[in-house]
Amino acid sequence: MVEEISVNSTLDIQNETCPMTFVRVRLALDRMPPGTVLEVLLRGEEPRRNVPRTAEEQGHTILAMTDEAGGIMRLLLRRGG
């Protein structure tokens, strides 16, 4: 059985390009209290590689990465700190 993860905020960056994809994610995470969960909707190979890697480098935890319809990736991040 898969545990349901409670999402505190959602950020849709499907139409953004790198490096703005992680800038938007970082700003959103910075506004959230530690331990809360940000859902990120993104599209494209570069954001799919860079956003999760950079989030981990910044001390956040990847809870889930799932592929959705239409080439969208759904990323769940727990804010570190």
N, C-alpha and C. Protein backbone atom coordinates (compact mmCIF):
# COMPACT_ATOMS: atom_id res chain seq x y z
N MET A 1 0.85 -1.18 0.00
CA MET A 1 0.00 0.00 0.00
C MET A 1 0.89 1.24 0.00
N VAL A 2 0.57 2.22 -0.84
CA VAL A 2 1.34 3.44 -0.96
C VAL A 2 0.79 4.47 0.02
N GLU A 3 1.70 5.09 0.79
CA GLU A 3 1.30 6.12 1.73
C GLU A 3 0.93 7.39 0.98
N GLU A 4 -0.19 8.00 1.34
CA GLU A 4 -0.62 9.24 0.72
C GLU A 4 0.20 10.39 1.31
N ILE A 5 0.77 11.21 0.44
CA ILE A 5 1.59 12.33 0.87
C ILE A 5 0.74 13.59 0.80
N SER A 6 0.70 14.32 1.89
CA SER A 6 -0.07 15.56 1.95
C SER A 6 0.75 16.70 1.33
N VAL A 7 0.21 17.31 0.28
CA VAL A 7 0.88 18.40 -0.42
C VAL A 7 0.43 19.72 0.17
N ASN A 8 1.40 20.59 0.50
CA ASN A 8 1.09 21.89 1.08
C ASN A 8 0.95 22.99 0.03
N SER A 9 1.65 22.85 -1.10
CA SER A 9 1.61 23.86 -2.14
C SER A 9 1.97 23.22 -3.48
N THR A 10 1.45 23.78 -4.57
CA THR A 10 1.74 23.27 -5.92
C THR A 10 2.33 24.39 -6.77
N LEU A 11 3.36 24.04 -7.55
CA LEU A 11 4.01 24.98 -8.45
C LEU A 11 4.04 24.36 -9.84
N ASP A 12 3.44 25.04 -10.81
CA ASP A 12 3.40 24.56 -12.19
C ASP A 12 4.45 25.33 -12.99
N ILE A 13 5.55 24.64 -13.38
CA ILE A 13 6.61 25.29 -14.15
C ILE A 13 6.76 24.62 -15.52
N GLN A 14 5.69 24.08 -16.04
CA GLN A 14 5.73 23.37 -17.32
C GLN A 14 6.18 24.27 -18.47
N ASN A 15 5.89 25.55 -18.39
CA ASN A 15 6.20 26.47 -19.49
C ASN A 15 7.49 27.24 -19.26
N GLU A 16 8.21 26.94 -18.17
CA GLU A 16 9.46 27.62 -17.85
C GLU A 16 10.63 26.86 -18.47
N THR A 17 11.74 27.57 -18.67
CA THR A 17 12.96 26.94 -19.16
C THR A 17 14.07 27.12 -18.13
N CYS A 18 15.07 26.25 -18.17
CA CYS A 18 16.22 26.36 -17.27
C CYS A 18 16.98 27.62 -17.62
N PRO A 19 17.53 28.35 -16.68
CA PRO A 19 17.62 28.03 -15.25
C PRO A 19 16.42 28.50 -14.44
N MET A 20 15.42 29.12 -15.07
CA MET A 20 14.28 29.66 -14.32
C MET A 20 13.48 28.57 -13.62
N THR A 21 13.54 27.33 -14.11
CA THR A 21 12.77 26.26 -13.48
C THR A 21 13.17 26.11 -12.02
N PHE A 22 14.49 25.99 -11.75
CA PHE A 22 14.86 25.81 -10.35
C PHE A 22 14.78 27.11 -9.57
N VAL A 23 14.96 28.24 -10.20
CA VAL A 23 14.80 29.52 -9.49
C VAL A 23 13.39 29.61 -8.93
N ARG A 24 12.40 29.27 -9.74
CA ARG A 24 11.00 29.31 -9.27
C ARG A 24 10.77 28.31 -8.15
N VAL A 25 11.35 27.09 -8.28
CA VAL A 25 11.20 26.06 -7.23
C VAL A 25 11.86 26.54 -5.94
N ARG A 26 13.06 27.07 -6.06
CA ARG A 26 13.78 27.53 -4.86
C ARG A 26 13.02 28.64 -4.15
N LEU A 27 12.50 29.61 -4.90
CA LEU A 27 11.72 30.69 -4.28
C LEU A 27 10.49 30.14 -3.56
N ALA A 28 9.81 29.18 -4.19
CA ALA A 28 8.63 28.58 -3.56
C ALA A 28 9.01 27.85 -2.27
N LEU A 29 10.10 27.07 -2.31
CA LEU A 29 10.54 26.34 -1.12
C LEU A 29 10.98 27.30 -0.02
N ASP A 30 11.65 28.38 -0.38
CA ASP A 30 12.10 29.36 0.62
C ASP A 30 10.95 29.99 1.38
N ARG A 31 9.78 30.07 0.77
CA ARG A 31 8.61 30.66 1.42
C ARG A 31 7.85 29.66 2.29
N MET A 32 8.25 28.39 2.25
CA MET A 32 7.53 27.35 2.99
C MET A 32 8.28 26.99 4.27
N PRO A 33 7.55 26.59 5.32
CA PRO A 33 8.22 26.14 6.54
C PRO A 33 8.94 24.80 6.32
N PRO A 34 10.03 24.54 7.06
CA PRO A 34 10.70 23.23 6.96
C PRO A 34 9.72 22.09 7.21
N GLY A 35 9.89 21.02 6.44
CA GLY A 35 9.05 19.83 6.61
C GLY A 35 7.80 19.81 5.76
N THR A 36 7.45 20.94 5.13
CA THR A 36 6.26 20.97 4.29
C THR A 36 6.59 20.44 2.90
N VAL A 37 5.55 20.10 2.13
CA VAL A 37 5.73 19.43 0.84
C VAL A 37 5.27 20.33 -0.30
N LEU A 38 6.15 20.45 -1.30
CA LEU A 38 5.86 21.20 -2.52
C LEU A 38 5.70 20.22 -3.67
N GLU A 39 4.59 20.33 -4.39
CA GLU A 39 4.36 19.56 -5.61
C GLU A 39 4.78 20.44 -6.78
N VAL A 40 5.66 19.91 -7.64
CA VAL A 40 6.13 20.64 -8.80
C VAL A 40 5.72 19.88 -10.05
N LEU A 41 5.08 20.59 -10.99
CA LEU A 41 4.72 20.01 -12.28
C LEU A 41 5.66 20.60 -13.31
N LEU A 42 6.44 19.74 -13.99
CA LEU A 42 7.41 20.23 -14.94
C LEU A 42 7.42 19.38 -16.19
N ARG A 43 8.08 19.92 -17.23
CA ARG A 43 8.11 19.24 -18.52
C ARG A 43 9.45 19.54 -19.18
N GLY A 44 9.99 18.56 -19.90
CA GLY A 44 11.24 18.75 -20.64
C GLY A 44 12.40 18.02 -19.98
N GLU A 45 13.36 17.61 -20.80
CA GLU A 45 14.48 16.81 -20.31
C GLU A 45 15.37 17.58 -19.33
N GLU A 46 15.69 18.82 -19.66
CA GLU A 46 16.60 19.58 -18.80
C GLU A 46 16.01 19.82 -17.41
N PRO A 47 14.77 20.31 -17.29
CA PRO A 47 14.18 20.45 -15.96
C PRO A 47 14.05 19.11 -15.22
N ARG A 48 13.74 18.04 -15.94
CA ARG A 48 13.59 16.72 -15.31
C ARG A 48 14.90 16.26 -14.68
N ARG A 49 16.02 16.63 -15.29
CA ARG A 49 17.34 16.28 -14.74
C ARG A 49 17.75 17.25 -13.64
N ASN A 50 17.62 18.54 -13.92
CA ASN A 50 18.23 19.56 -13.06
C ASN A 50 17.45 19.90 -11.80
N VAL A 51 16.13 19.98 -11.88
CA VAL A 51 15.36 20.40 -10.70
C VAL A 51 15.51 19.41 -9.55
N PRO A 52 15.32 18.10 -9.75
CA PRO A 52 15.50 17.17 -8.62
C PRO A 52 16.94 17.18 -8.07
N ARG A 53 17.92 17.19 -8.95
CA ARG A 53 19.33 17.18 -8.51
C ARG A 53 19.65 18.41 -7.69
N THR A 54 19.25 19.57 -8.19
CA THR A 54 19.55 20.82 -7.49
C THR A 54 18.79 20.91 -6.18
N ALA A 55 17.56 20.43 -6.14
CA ALA A 55 16.79 20.43 -4.88
C ALA A 55 17.51 19.62 -3.81
N GLU A 56 18.00 18.44 -4.18
CA GLU A 56 18.74 17.61 -3.22
C GLU A 56 20.02 18.32 -2.77
N GLU A 57 20.72 18.96 -3.70
CA GLU A 57 21.94 19.69 -3.35
C GLU A 57 21.64 20.81 -2.36
N GLN A 58 20.44 21.38 -2.41
CA GLN A 58 20.03 22.46 -1.51
C GLN A 58 19.51 21.93 -0.17
N GLY A 59 19.49 20.60 0.01
CA GLY A 59 19.10 20.02 1.29
C GLY A 59 17.64 19.61 1.41
N HIS A 60 16.93 19.57 0.27
CA HIS A 60 15.54 19.15 0.28
C HIS A 60 15.46 17.66 -0.07
N THR A 61 14.33 17.03 0.25
CA THR A 61 14.16 15.59 0.04
C THR A 61 13.17 15.33 -1.08
N ILE A 62 13.55 14.47 -2.01
CA ILE A 62 12.62 14.04 -3.06
C ILE A 62 11.76 12.92 -2.48
N LEU A 63 10.46 13.15 -2.43
CA LEU A 63 9.53 12.14 -1.92
C LEU A 63 8.99 11.26 -3.03
N ALA A 64 8.82 11.84 -4.23
CA ALA A 64 8.27 11.08 -5.35
C ALA A 64 8.56 11.82 -6.65
N MET A 65 8.76 11.02 -7.70
CA MET A 65 8.89 11.54 -9.07
C MET A 65 8.07 10.61 -9.94
N THR A 66 6.98 11.12 -10.51
CA THR A 66 6.12 10.27 -11.33
C THR A 66 5.85 10.95 -12.66
N ASP A 67 5.79 10.11 -13.70
CA ASP A 67 5.46 10.60 -15.03
C ASP A 67 3.95 10.61 -15.19
N GLU A 68 3.44 11.73 -15.67
CA GLU A 68 2.00 11.91 -15.88
C GLU A 68 1.75 11.99 -17.39
N ALA A 69 0.49 12.06 -17.76
CA ALA A 69 0.11 12.16 -19.17
C ALA A 69 0.66 13.45 -19.78
N GLY A 70 0.94 13.41 -21.06
CA GLY A 70 1.37 14.60 -21.78
C GLY A 70 2.81 15.00 -21.55
N GLY A 71 3.64 14.09 -21.06
CA GLY A 71 5.05 14.40 -20.85
C GLY A 71 5.34 15.22 -19.61
N ILE A 72 4.39 15.27 -18.71
CA ILE A 72 4.56 16.03 -17.46
C ILE A 72 5.17 15.13 -16.39
N MET A 73 6.09 15.68 -15.61
CA MET A 73 6.61 14.96 -14.45
C MET A 73 6.08 15.66 -13.21
N ARG A 74 5.62 14.86 -12.25
CA ARG A 74 5.13 15.36 -10.96
C ARG A 74 6.20 15.04 -9.94
N LEU A 75 6.74 16.07 -9.32
CA LEU A 75 7.82 15.95 -8.35
C LEU A 75 7.32 16.42 -7.00
N LEU A 76 7.51 15.60 -5.97
CA LEU A 76 7.14 16.00 -4.61
C LEU A 76 8.41 16.21 -3.81
N LEU A 77 8.57 17.42 -3.25
CA LEU A 77 9.76 17.78 -2.50
C LEU A 77 9.37 18.15 -1.07
N ARG A 78 10.11 17.61 -0.09
CA ARG A 78 9.94 18.04 1.30
C ARG A 78 11.02 19.06 1.59
N ARG A 79 10.58 20.22 2.06
CA ARG A 79 11.53 21.29 2.35
C ARG A 79 12.44 20.90 3.51
N GLY A 80 13.73 21.05 3.29
CA GLY A 80 14.71 20.77 4.33
C GLY A 80 14.85 21.96 5.27
N GLY A 81 15.74 21.80 6.23
CA GLY A 81 16.05 22.94 7.07
C GLY A 81 15.68 22.77 8.48
